[in-house]
Amino acid sequence: MRLCFEAPPLPYYIVSGAAIMPTGRKHPNRRAFGVFDLIIVREGCLFIGEADQHYKVIPGHALVLRPDLHHFATRPCEENTSYYWLHFHTTGHWEAVEKEVCSPAWALLPEGGSDTPHANDSARASYTEPTFPITLAQFTALLQPRKVYERIDELISLQQRSHLGRVRWQQQQLFQETLQLLADSLESPPPSASALCAEAAASYIREHYRDGFTAQQMGESLRFHPVYIARCMHRHLGCAPSEYLLRFRIEQAKLLLLQSDLPISRIAEAVGFNQAAYFTANFTKLEGLSPRSFRQRFLHN
């Protein structure tokens, strides 16, 4: 089982600690705990169940208990067991999936990226939200256990000063490093040929969106049949190449509308439209208002 988090927002750190479970003791029995509980064993073994799954957590292994399920001990510890626990949560979307990586967030991100200056807060809302998946194995052998131990030891050492804002920020940074180490421990299968084709097509479109290229030209460049490319993009991106091209052109036009005083006709030409009227019609259809109204709405509030 894998846990997929859509970010941003990033999963956030709450609190952590180290503990020793004596021989004969059991992990707590809890229902709908409300936060994610990361368990990492250093010595000994914890026997933990969640819903209908049973886990034997041995040294160098990590288990993430979900906030919405019942978790419990399946048997007492057979020896003194030292382990870390870390509570975290997210305000964003997450889901549990079987044996597959989260669907990629193919956001139509403007060329300027997230660092592009915006005219005002309203303008920020006009852009497509750029998101990406964070995928963690719910139960895994750590690829670099010592590094994970070091990060959590640092988190625990900061706990007494966690009332200070700068310390909380430092803890969040350490937690993100811990998440990265957990993600690195996930053995993901290589992307399929169709996924690689879709990715290559998207990259080609972004590079050539100003040009009047055809599906045949893209196919010759990528060395795939245009029908196969279209099928791959539908499967992995949820749209045809022509729709992807149109939406990306509109995103670039929105940037120019907000960051320049170019006339509408020049903007249409700059993003690959031969006719300003055709550009205006497509922009209005996708955004719900004309390019001129879009510019006035976000620059003259």
C-alpha atoms as a PDB file:
ATOM      1  CA  MET A   1       0.000   0.000   0.000  1.00  0.00           C
ATOM      2  CA  ARG A   2       1.181   3.492  -0.823  1.00  0.00           C
ATOM      3  CA  LEU A   3       0.093   6.868   0.477  1.00  0.00           C
ATOM      4  CA  CYS A   4      -0.049   9.681  -2.075  1.00  0.00           C
ATOM      5  CA  PHE A   5      -0.139  13.327  -1.015  1.00  0.00           C
ATOM      6  CA  GLU A   6      -0.922  16.127  -3.446  1.00  0.00           C
ATOM      7  CA  ALA A   7       1.295  19.125  -2.763  1.00  0.00           C
ATOM      8  CA  PRO A   8       1.061  21.987  -2.144  1.00  0.00           C
ATOM      9  CA  PRO A   9       0.060  22.180   0.602  1.00  0.00           C
ATOM     10  CA  LEU A  10       2.900  20.093   1.983  1.00  0.00           C
ATOM     11  CA  PRO A  11       2.341  17.586   4.789  1.00  0.00           C
ATOM     12  CA  TYR A  12       3.256  19.330   8.033  1.00  0.00           C
ATOM     13  CA  TYR A  13       5.082  18.217  11.169  1.00  0.00           C
ATOM     14  CA  ILE A  14       3.305  18.149  14.543  1.00  0.00           C
ATOM     15  CA  VAL A  15       5.439  16.396  17.168  1.00  0.00           C
ATOM     16  CA  SER A  16       7.834  13.468  17.556  1.00  0.00           C
ATOM     17  CA  GLY A  17       9.581  11.429  20.228  1.00  0.00           C
ATOM     18  CA  ALA A  18      11.625   8.362  21.052  1.00  0.00           C
ATOM     19  CA  ALA A  19      10.369   5.535  23.262  1.00  0.00           C
ATOM     20  CA  ILE A  20      11.225   2.088  24.563  1.00  0.00           C
ATOM     21  CA  MET A  21       8.503  -0.541  24.654  1.00  0.00           C
ATOM     22  CA  PRO A  22       9.385  -3.092  27.391  1.00  0.00           C
ATOM     23  CA  THR A  23       9.040  -6.808  26.815  1.00  0.00           C
ATOM     24  CA  GLY A  24       5.404  -7.852  27.151  1.00  0.00           C
ATOM     25  CA  ARG A  25       3.957  -4.400  26.443  1.00  0.00           C
ATOM     26  CA  LYS A  26       1.776  -3.604  23.441  1.00  0.00           C
ATOM     27  CA  HIS A  27       1.319  -0.685  21.077  1.00  0.00           C
ATOM     28  CA  PRO A  28      -1.771   1.438  21.975  1.00  0.00           C
ATOM     29  CA  ASN A  29      -5.174   0.541  20.564  1.00  0.00           C
ATOM     30  CA  ARG A  30      -6.542   3.625  18.795  1.00  0.00           C
ATOM     31  CA  ARG A  31      -9.427   4.363  16.432  1.00  0.00           C
ATOM     32  CA  ALA A  32      -9.433   7.247  13.949  1.00  0.00           C
ATOM     33  CA  PHE A  33      -6.418   8.874  15.599  1.00  0.00           C
ATOM     34  CA  GLY A  34      -6.845  11.986  13.449  1.00  0.00           C
ATOM     35  CA  VAL A  35      -3.210  12.389  12.315  1.00  0.00           C
ATOM     36  CA  PHE A  36      -0.632  10.252  10.529  1.00  0.00           C
ATOM     37  CA  ASP A  37       1.617   8.329  12.922  1.00  0.00           C
ATOM     38  CA  LEU A  38       5.064   7.411  11.583  1.00  0.00           C
ATOM     39  CA  ILE A  39       6.678   4.524  13.477  1.00  0.00           C
ATOM     40  CA  ILE A  40      10.380   3.672  12.966  1.00  0.00           C
ATOM     41  CA  VAL A  41      12.015   0.851  14.920  1.00  0.00           C
ATOM     42  CA  ARG A  42      15.716   1.014  15.866  1.00  0.00           C
ATOM     43  CA  GLU A  43      15.988  -2.118  17.995  1.00  0.00           C
ATOM     44  CA  GLY A  44      13.598  -4.975  18.726  1.00  0.00           C
ATOM     45  CA  CYS A  45      10.255  -5.395  16.987  1.00  0.00           C
ATOM     46  CA  LEU A  46       6.749  -3.920  17.117  1.00  0.00           C
ATOM     47  CA  PHE A  47       3.720  -5.985  16.077  1.00  0.00           C
ATOM     48  CA  ILE A  48       1.083  -3.559  14.813  1.00  0.00           C
ATOM     49  CA  GLY A  49      -2.184  -3.998  12.970  1.00  0.00           C
ATOM     50  CA  GLU A  50      -4.222  -1.498  11.007  1.00  0.00           C
ATOM     51  CA  ALA A  51      -7.694  -2.472   9.836  1.00  0.00           C
ATOM     52  CA  ASP A  52      -7.140  -5.945   8.321  1.00  0.00           C
ATOM     53  CA  GLN A  53      -3.357  -5.572   7.788  1.00  0.00           C
ATOM     54  CA  HIS A  54      -0.733  -6.891  10.216  1.00  0.00           C
ATOM     55  CA  TYR A  55       2.825  -5.533  10.277  1.00  0.00           C
ATOM     56  CA  LYS A  56       6.035  -6.763  11.885  1.00  0.00           C
ATOM     57  CA  VAL A  57       8.148  -3.618  12.224  1.00  0.00           C
ATOM     58  CA  ILE A  58      11.797  -4.579  12.645  1.00  0.00           C
ATOM     59  CA  PRO A  59      14.918  -2.360  12.906  1.00  0.00           C
ATOM     60  CA  GLY A  60      15.417  -0.055   9.932  1.00  0.00           C
ATOM     61  CA  HIS A  61      11.756  -0.282   8.882  1.00  0.00           C
ATOM     62  CA  ALA A  62       9.089   2.431   8.853  1.00  0.00           C
ATOM     63  CA  LEU A  63       5.311   2.175   9.118  1.00  0.00           C
ATOM     64  CA  VAL A  64       2.886   5.053   8.522  1.00  0.00           C
ATOM     65  CA  LEU A  65      -0.422   4.578  10.337  1.00  0.00           C
ATOM     66  CA  ARG A  66      -3.349   6.356   8.750  1.00  0.00           C
ATOM     67  CA  PRO A  67      -5.465   8.961  10.598  1.00  0.00           C
ATOM     68  CA  ASP A  68      -8.786   7.392   9.575  1.00  0.00           C
ATOM     69  CA  LEU A  69      -8.320   3.711  10.511  1.00  0.00           C
ATOM     70  CA  HIS A  70      -8.202   1.579  13.624  1.00  0.00           C
ATOM     71  CA  HIS A  71      -4.663   0.536  14.602  1.00  0.00           C
ATOM     72  CA  PHE A  72      -3.704  -1.829  17.391  1.00  0.00           C
ATOM     73  CA  ALA A  73      -1.101  -4.299  18.660  1.00  0.00           C
ATOM     74  CA  THR A  74      -1.322  -7.789  17.211  1.00  0.00           C
ATOM     75  CA  ARG A  75       0.937  -9.221  19.923  1.00  0.00           C
ATOM     76  CA  PRO A  76       3.163  -8.020  22.796  1.00  0.00           C
ATOM     77  CA  CYS A  77       6.819  -7.098  22.292  1.00  0.00           C
ATOM     78  CA  GLU A  78       9.101 -10.119  22.659  1.00  0.00           C
ATOM     79  CA  GLU A  79      12.051  -7.938  23.731  1.00  0.00           C
ATOM     80  CA  ASN A  80      12.720  -4.368  24.764  1.00  0.00           C
ATOM     81  CA  THR A  81      12.035  -2.358  21.638  1.00  0.00           C
ATOM     82  CA  SER A  82      13.299   1.162  20.931  1.00  0.00           C
ATOM     83  CA  TYR A  83      11.504   3.190  18.305  1.00  0.00           C
ATOM     84  CA  TYR A  84      10.682   6.669  17.073  1.00  0.00           C
ATOM     85  CA  TRP A  85       7.177   8.035  16.616  1.00  0.00           C
ATOM     86  CA  LEU A  86       6.294  11.124  14.609  1.00  0.00           C
ATOM     87  CA  HIS A  87       2.883  12.700  14.092  1.00  0.00           C
ATOM     88  CA  PHE A  88       2.150  14.674  10.944  1.00  0.00           C
ATOM     89  CA  HIS A  89      -0.822  15.658   8.837  1.00  0.00           C
ATOM     90  CA  THR A  90      -1.855  17.539   5.704  1.00  0.00           C
ATOM     91  CA  THR A  91      -4.579  19.996   4.794  1.00  0.00           C
ATOM     92  CA  GLY A  92      -4.355  18.851   1.174  1.00  0.00           C
ATOM     93  CA  HIS A  93      -5.713  15.842  -0.671  1.00  0.00           C
ATOM     94  CA  TRP A  94      -4.250  12.405   0.022  1.00  0.00           C
ATOM     95  CA  GLU A  95      -5.226   8.862  -0.878  1.00  0.00           C
ATOM     96  CA  ALA A  96      -4.120   5.262  -0.406  1.00  0.00           C
ATOM     97  CA  VAL A  97      -3.385   3.337  -3.595  1.00  0.00           C
ATOM     98  CA  GLU A  98      -2.367  -0.245  -4.339  1.00  0.00           C
ATOM     99  CA  LYS A  99       0.975  -0.888  -6.028  1.00  0.00           C
ATOM    100  CA  GLU A 100       1.005   2.181  -8.238  1.00  0.00           C
ATOM    101  CA  VAL A 101       2.291   5.699  -8.111  1.00  0.00           C
ATOM    102  CA  CYS A 102      -0.076   8.650  -7.833  1.00  0.00           C
ATOM    103  CA  SER A 103      -1.338  10.113 -11.068  1.00  0.00           C
ATOM    104  CA  PRO A 104       1.075  12.932 -11.966  1.00  0.00           C
ATOM    105  CA  ALA A 105      -0.203  16.462 -11.549  1.00  0.00           C
ATOM    106  CA  TRP A 106       0.197  17.739 -15.108  1.00  0.00           C
ATOM    107  CA  ALA A 107      -0.485  21.367 -14.216  1.00  0.00           C
ATOM    108  CA  LEU A 108      -0.238  23.781 -17.117  1.00  0.00           C
ATOM    109  CA  LEU A 109       2.377  25.813 -15.313  1.00  0.00           C
ATOM    110  CA  PRO A 110       3.279  29.157 -16.906  1.00  0.00           C
ATOM    111  CA  GLU A 111       6.848  29.480 -18.150  1.00  0.00           C
ATOM    112  CA  GLY A 112       7.590  31.946 -15.364  1.00  0.00           C
ATOM    113  CA  GLY A 113       6.866  29.288 -12.751  1.00  0.00           C
ATOM    114  CA  SER A 114       5.827  29.944  -9.166  1.00  0.00           C
ATOM    115  CA  ASP A 115       8.379  32.783  -8.842  1.00  0.00           C
ATOM    116  CA  THR A 116       6.669  34.868 -11.494  1.00  0.00           C
ATOM    117  CA  PRO A 117       5.545  38.185  -9.910  1.00  0.00           C
ATOM    118  CA  HIS A 118       1.818  38.769  -9.877  1.00  0.00           C
ATOM    119  CA  ALA A 119      -0.003  42.031 -10.148  1.00  0.00           C
ATOM    120  CA  ASN A 120      -2.112  41.353  -7.072  1.00  0.00           C
ATOM    121  CA  ASP A 121      -3.761  38.567  -5.075  1.00  0.00           C
ATOM    122  CA  SER A 122      -6.682  38.337  -7.489  1.00  0.00           C
ATOM    123  CA  ALA A 123      -4.300  37.737 -10.363  1.00  0.00           C
ATOM    124  CA  ARG A 124      -2.671  34.890  -8.466  1.00  0.00           C
ATOM    125  CA  ALA A 125      -6.003  33.091  -8.440  1.00  0.00           C
ATOM    126  CA  SER A 126      -6.128  33.287 -12.231  1.00  0.00           C
ATOM    127  CA  TYR A 127      -3.254  30.863 -12.725  1.00  0.00           C
ATOM    128  CA  THR A 128      -3.479  27.089 -12.854  1.00  0.00           C
ATOM    129  CA  GLU A 129      -2.406  25.699  -9.490  1.00  0.00           C
ATOM    130  CA  PRO A 130       0.931  23.831  -9.876  1.00  0.00           C
ATOM    131  CA  THR A 131       0.844  20.638  -7.835  1.00  0.00           C
ATOM    132  CA  PHE A 132       2.968  17.505  -7.617  1.00  0.00           C
ATOM    133  CA  PRO A 133       2.627  14.130  -5.892  1.00  0.00           C
ATOM    134  CA  ILE A 134       4.541  12.948  -2.809  1.00  0.00           C
ATOM    135  CA  THR A 135       4.384   9.159  -2.644  1.00  0.00           C
ATOM    136  CA  LEU A 136       5.319   7.160   0.457  1.00  0.00           C
ATOM    137  CA  ALA A 137       5.233   3.437   1.036  1.00  0.00           C
ATOM    138  CA  GLN A 138       3.023   2.790   4.039  1.00  0.00           C
ATOM    139  CA  PHE A 139       5.426   0.081   5.191  1.00  0.00           C
ATOM    140  CA  THR A 140       9.015  -0.015   3.958  1.00  0.00           C
ATOM    141  CA  ALA A 141      12.648  -0.811   4.688  1.00  0.00           C
ATOM    142  CA  LEU A 142      14.496   2.499   4.925  1.00  0.00           C
ATOM    143  CA  LEU A 143      17.088   3.059   2.237  1.00  0.00           C
ATOM    144  CA  GLN A 144      19.218   5.214   4.564  1.00  0.00           C
ATOM    145  CA  PRO A 145      18.070   4.452   8.123  1.00  0.00           C
ATOM    146  CA  ARG A 146      20.929   6.294   9.844  1.00  0.00           C
ATOM    147  CA  LYS A 147      20.066   9.538   8.067  1.00  0.00           C
ATOM    148  CA  VAL A 148      16.429   9.157   9.083  1.00  0.00           C
ATOM    149  CA  TYR A 149      17.459   8.546  12.709  1.00  0.00           C
ATOM    150  CA  GLU A 150      19.642  11.671  12.619  1.00  0.00           C
ATOM    151  CA  ARG A 151      16.818  13.855  11.303  1.00  0.00           C
ATOM    152  CA  ILE A 152      14.354  12.657  13.919  1.00  0.00           C
ATOM    153  CA  ASP A 153      16.938  13.024  16.712  1.00  0.00           C
ATOM    154  CA  GLU A 154      17.352  16.651  15.589  1.00  0.00           C
ATOM    155  CA  LEU A 155      13.575  17.133  15.595  1.00  0.00           C
ATOM    156  CA  ILE A 156      13.310  15.784  19.141  1.00  0.00           C
ATOM    157  CA  SER A 157      16.206  17.963  20.341  1.00  0.00           C
ATOM    158  CA  LEU A 158      14.322  21.057  19.172  1.00  0.00           C
ATOM    159  CA  GLN A 159      11.088  20.152  20.941  1.00  0.00           C
ATOM    160  CA  GLN A 160      11.726  22.177  24.112  1.00  0.00           C
ATOM    161  CA  ARG A 161      12.147  25.336  22.015  1.00  0.00           C
ATOM    162  CA  SER A 162       9.285  24.644  19.632  1.00  0.00           C
ATOM    163  CA  HIS A 163       7.342  27.622  21.005  1.00  0.00           C
ATOM    164  CA  LEU A 164       9.715  29.819  18.975  1.00  0.00           C
ATOM    165  CA  GLY A 165       8.687  30.527  15.409  1.00  0.00           C
ATOM    166  CA  ARG A 166      12.174  30.080  13.969  1.00  0.00           C
ATOM    167  CA  VAL A 167      12.459  26.688  15.671  1.00  0.00           C
ATOM    168  CA  ARG A 168       9.116  25.529  14.304  1.00  0.00           C
ATOM    169  CA  TRP A 169      10.331  26.530  10.838  1.00  0.00           C
ATOM    170  CA  GLN A 170      13.534  24.549  11.404  1.00  0.00           C
ATOM    171  CA  GLN A 171      11.454  21.538  12.452  1.00  0.00           C
ATOM    172  CA  GLN A 172       9.343  21.766   9.308  1.00  0.00           C
ATOM    173  CA  GLN A 173      12.509  21.780   7.190  1.00  0.00           C
ATOM    174  CA  LEU A 174      13.857  18.712   8.986  1.00  0.00           C
ATOM    175  CA  PHE A 175      10.510  16.987   8.533  1.00  0.00           C
ATOM    176  CA  GLN A 176      10.552  17.657   4.776  1.00  0.00           C
ATOM    177  CA  GLU A 177      14.021  16.094   4.631  1.00  0.00           C
ATOM    178  CA  THR A 178      12.643  13.093   6.516  1.00  0.00           C
ATOM    179  CA  LEU A 179       9.767  12.793   4.039  1.00  0.00           C
ATOM    180  CA  GLN A 180      12.255  12.870   1.167  1.00  0.00           C
ATOM    181  CA  LEU A 181      14.247  10.040   2.756  1.00  0.00           C
ATOM    182  CA  LEU A 182      11.039   8.039   3.166  1.00  0.00           C
ATOM    183  CA  ALA A 183      10.079   8.697  -0.447  1.00  0.00           C
ATOM    184  CA  ASP A 184      13.556   7.619  -1.584  1.00  0.00           C
ATOM    185  CA  SER A 185      12.962   4.261   0.118  1.00  0.00           C
ATOM    186  CA  LEU A 186      10.004   3.559  -2.149  1.00  0.00           C
ATOM    187  CA  GLU A 187      10.874   1.190  -4.953  1.00  0.00           C
ATOM    188  CA  SER A 188       8.859   2.650  -7.804  1.00  0.00           C
ATOM    189  CA  PRO A 189       8.575   0.801 -11.103  1.00  0.00           C
ATOM    190  CA  PRO A 190      10.071   2.627 -14.082  1.00  0.00           C
ATOM    191  CA  PRO A 191       7.540   4.691 -16.053  1.00  0.00           C
ATOM    192  CA  SER A 192       5.763   2.810 -18.813  1.00  0.00           C
ATOM    193  CA  ALA A 193       6.506   3.419 -22.480  1.00  0.00           C
ATOM    194  CA  SER A 194       3.149   5.158 -22.881  1.00  0.00           C
ATOM    195  CA  ALA A 195       3.844   7.471 -19.918  1.00  0.00           C
ATOM    196  CA  LEU A 196       7.240   8.392 -21.377  1.00  0.00           C
ATOM    197  CA  CYS A 197       5.592   9.092 -24.721  1.00  0.00           C
ATOM    198  CA  ALA A 198       3.000  11.383 -23.083  1.00  0.00           C
ATOM    199  CA  GLU A 199       5.734  13.208 -21.177  1.00  0.00           C
ATOM    200  CA  ALA A 200       7.811  13.673 -24.333  1.00  0.00           C
ATOM    201  CA  ALA A 201       4.782  14.978 -26.216  1.00  0.00           C
ATOM    202  CA  ALA A 202       3.949  17.467 -23.470  1.00  0.00           C
ATOM    203  CA  SER A 203       7.548  18.708 -23.470  1.00  0.00           C
ATOM    204  CA  TYR A 204       7.502  19.046 -27.263  1.00  0.00           C
ATOM    205  CA  ILE A 205       4.276  21.054 -27.153  1.00  0.00           C
ATOM    206  CA  ARG A 206       5.637  23.396 -24.479  1.00  0.00           C
ATOM    207  CA  GLU A 207       8.799  23.957 -26.490  1.00  0.00           C
ATOM    208  CA  HIS A 208       7.029  24.552 -29.817  1.00  0.00           C
ATOM    209  CA  TYR A 209       3.704  26.091 -28.758  1.00  0.00           C
ATOM    210  CA  ARG A 210       4.440  29.314 -30.670  1.00  0.00           C
ATOM    211  CA  ASP A 211       5.022  27.377 -33.897  1.00  0.00           C
ATOM    212  CA  GLY A 212       2.411  26.129 -36.305  1.00  0.00           C
ATOM    213  CA  PHE A 213       3.484  22.485 -36.047  1.00  0.00           C
ATOM    214  CA  THR A 214       1.254  19.566 -37.017  1.00  0.00           C
ATOM    215  CA  ALA A 215       0.617  16.234 -35.336  1.00  0.00           C
ATOM    216  CA  GLN A 216       2.600  14.624 -38.139  1.00  0.00           C
ATOM    217  CA  GLN A 217       5.602  16.864 -37.463  1.00  0.00           C
ATOM    218  CA  MET A 218       5.487  16.112 -33.748  1.00  0.00           C
ATOM    219  CA  GLY A 219       5.239  12.389 -34.484  1.00  0.00           C
ATOM    220  CA  GLU A 220       8.259  12.514 -36.780  1.00  0.00           C
ATOM    221  CA  SER A 221      10.262  14.417 -34.168  1.00  0.00           C
ATOM    222  CA  LEU A 222       9.337  12.026 -31.345  1.00  0.00           C
ATOM    223  CA  ARG A 223       9.433   8.949 -33.614  1.00  0.00           C
ATOM    224  CA  PHE A 224       5.946   7.860 -32.607  1.00  0.00           C
ATOM    225  CA  HIS A 225       2.817   7.603 -34.719  1.00  0.00           C
ATOM    226  CA  PRO A 226       0.474  10.577 -34.087  1.00  0.00           C
ATOM    227  CA  VAL A 227      -2.384   8.216 -33.195  1.00  0.00           C
ATOM    228  CA  TYR A 228      -0.206   6.524 -30.551  1.00  0.00           C
ATOM    229  CA  ILE A 229       0.844   9.901 -29.148  1.00  0.00           C
ATOM    230  CA  ALA A 230      -2.795  10.981 -28.870  1.00  0.00           C
ATOM    231  CA  ARG A 231      -3.712   7.714 -27.147  1.00  0.00           C
ATOM    232  CA  CYS A 232      -0.850   8.103 -24.646  1.00  0.00           C
ATOM    233  CA  MET A 233      -1.774  11.701 -23.843  1.00  0.00           C
ATOM    234  CA  HIS A 234      -5.392  10.756 -23.306  1.00  0.00           C
ATOM    235  CA  ARG A 235      -4.387   7.949 -20.984  1.00  0.00           C
ATOM    236  CA  HIS A 236      -1.853   9.835 -18.863  1.00  0.00           C
ATOM    237  CA  LEU A 237      -2.808  13.516 -19.238  1.00  0.00           C
ATOM    238  CA  GLY A 238      -6.537  13.232 -19.852  1.00  0.00           C
ATOM    239  CA  CYS A 239      -6.568  15.289 -23.038  1.00  0.00           C
ATOM    240  CA  ALA A 240      -5.656  15.257 -26.712  1.00  0.00           C
ATOM    241  CA  PRO A 241      -2.487  16.987 -27.963  1.00  0.00           C
ATOM    242  CA  SER A 242      -4.574  19.761 -29.520  1.00  0.00           C
ATOM    243  CA  GLU A 243      -6.332  20.495 -26.220  1.00  0.00           C
ATOM    244  CA  TYR A 244      -3.042  20.460 -24.297  1.00  0.00           C
ATOM    245  CA  LEU A 245      -1.582  22.906 -26.836  1.00  0.00           C
ATOM    246  CA  LEU A 246      -4.597  25.202 -26.625  1.00  0.00           C
ATOM    247  CA  ARG A 247      -4.631  25.308 -22.836  1.00  0.00           C
ATOM    248  CA  PHE A 248      -0.902  25.934 -22.611  1.00  0.00           C
ATOM    249  CA  ARG A 249      -1.141  28.777 -25.127  1.00  0.00           C
ATOM    250  CA  ILE A 250      -3.927  30.355 -23.075  1.00  0.00           C
ATOM    251  CA  GLU A 251      -1.800  30.110 -19.903  1.00  0.00           C
ATOM    252  CA  GLN A 252       1.048  31.943 -21.650  1.00  0.00           C
ATOM    253  CA  ALA A 253      -1.410  34.550 -22.912  1.00  0.00           C
ATOM    254  CA  LYS A 254      -2.631  35.168 -19.367  1.00  0.00           C
ATOM    255  CA  LEU A 255       0.932  35.925 -18.302  1.00  0.00           C
ATOM    256  CA  LEU A 256       1.365  38.446 -21.107  1.00  0.00           C
ATOM    257  CA  LEU A 257      -1.983  40.075 -20.376  1.00  0.00           C
ATOM    258  CA  LEU A 258      -0.955  40.682 -16.759  1.00  0.00           C
ATOM    259  CA  GLN A 259       2.711  41.524 -17.259  1.00  0.00           C
ATOM    260  CA  SER A 260       2.713  43.610 -20.422  1.00  0.00           C
ATOM    261  CA  ASP A 261       0.728  46.302 -22.168  1.00  0.00           C
ATOM    262  CA  LEU A 262       0.882  44.560 -25.544  1.00  0.00           C
ATOM    263  CA  PRO A 263      -2.338  44.786 -27.570  1.00  0.00           C
ATOM    264  CA  ILE A 264      -4.515  41.704 -27.743  1.00  0.00           C
ATOM    265  CA  SER A 265      -3.559  41.044 -31.371  1.00  0.00           C
ATOM    266  CA  ARG A 266       0.160  40.995 -30.525  1.00  0.00           C
ATOM    267  CA  ILE A 267      -0.420  38.659 -27.581  1.00  0.00           C
ATOM    268  CA  ALA A 268      -2.426  36.301 -29.790  1.00  0.00           C
ATOM    269  CA  GLU A 269       0.433  36.204 -32.274  1.00  0.00           C
ATOM    270  CA  ALA A 270       3.057  35.768 -29.537  1.00  0.00           C
ATOM    271  CA  VAL A 271       1.441  32.582 -28.201  1.00  0.00           C
ATOM    272  CA  GLY A 272       0.838  30.972 -31.571  1.00  0.00           C
ATOM    273  CA  PHE A 273      -2.596  32.140 -32.786  1.00  0.00           C
ATOM    274  CA  ASN A 274      -2.814  33.343 -36.389  1.00  0.00           C
ATOM    275  CA  GLN A 275      -6.021  35.279 -35.850  1.00  0.00           C
ATOM    276  CA  ALA A 276      -6.860  37.522 -32.898  1.00  0.00           C
ATOM    277  CA  ALA A 277     -10.579  36.698 -33.205  1.00  0.00           C
ATOM    278  CA  TYR A 278      -9.880  32.957 -32.917  1.00  0.00           C
ATOM    279  CA  PHE A 279      -7.668  33.611 -29.892  1.00  0.00           C
ATOM    280  CA  THR A 280     -10.371  35.721 -28.236  1.00  0.00           C
ATOM    281  CA  ALA A 281     -13.037  33.085 -28.858  1.00  0.00           C
ATOM    282  CA  ASN A 282     -10.938  30.293 -27.335  1.00  0.00           C
ATOM    283  CA  PHE A 283      -9.785  32.424 -24.403  1.00  0.00           C
ATOM    284  CA  THR A 284     -13.385  33.392 -23.608  1.00  0.00           C
ATOM    285  CA  LYS A 285     -14.543  29.793 -23.837  1.00  0.00           C
ATOM    286  CA  LEU A 286     -11.874  28.530 -21.411  1.00  0.00           C
ATOM    287  CA  GLU A 287     -11.715  31.445 -18.963  1.00  0.00           C
ATOM    288  CA  GLY A 288     -15.317  32.673 -19.012  1.00  0.00           C
ATOM    289  CA  LEU A 289     -14.341  36.231 -19.974  1.00  0.00           C
ATOM    290  CA  SER A 290     -12.579  37.926 -22.869  1.00  0.00           C
ATOM    291  CA  PRO A 291      -8.842  38.706 -22.841  1.00  0.00           C
ATOM    292  CA  ARG A 292      -9.593  42.408 -22.480  1.00  0.00           C
ATOM    293  CA  SER A 293     -11.970  41.802 -19.566  1.00  0.00           C
ATOM    294  CA  PHE A 294      -9.425  39.464 -17.962  1.00  0.00           C
ATOM    295  CA  ARG A 295      -6.776  42.179 -18.089  1.00  0.00           C
ATOM    296  CA  GLN A 296      -9.126  44.849 -16.741  1.00  0.00           C
ATOM    297  CA  ARG A 297     -10.422  42.597 -13.966  1.00  0.00           C
ATOM    298  CA  PHE A 298      -7.004  41.778 -12.544  1.00  0.00           C
ATOM    299  CA  LEU A 299      -5.122  44.988 -13.197  1.00  0.00           C
ATOM    300  CA  HIS A 300      -7.707  47.648 -12.475  1.00  0.00           C
ATOM    301  CA  ASN A 301      -9.557  46.422  -9.379  1.00  0.00           C
END
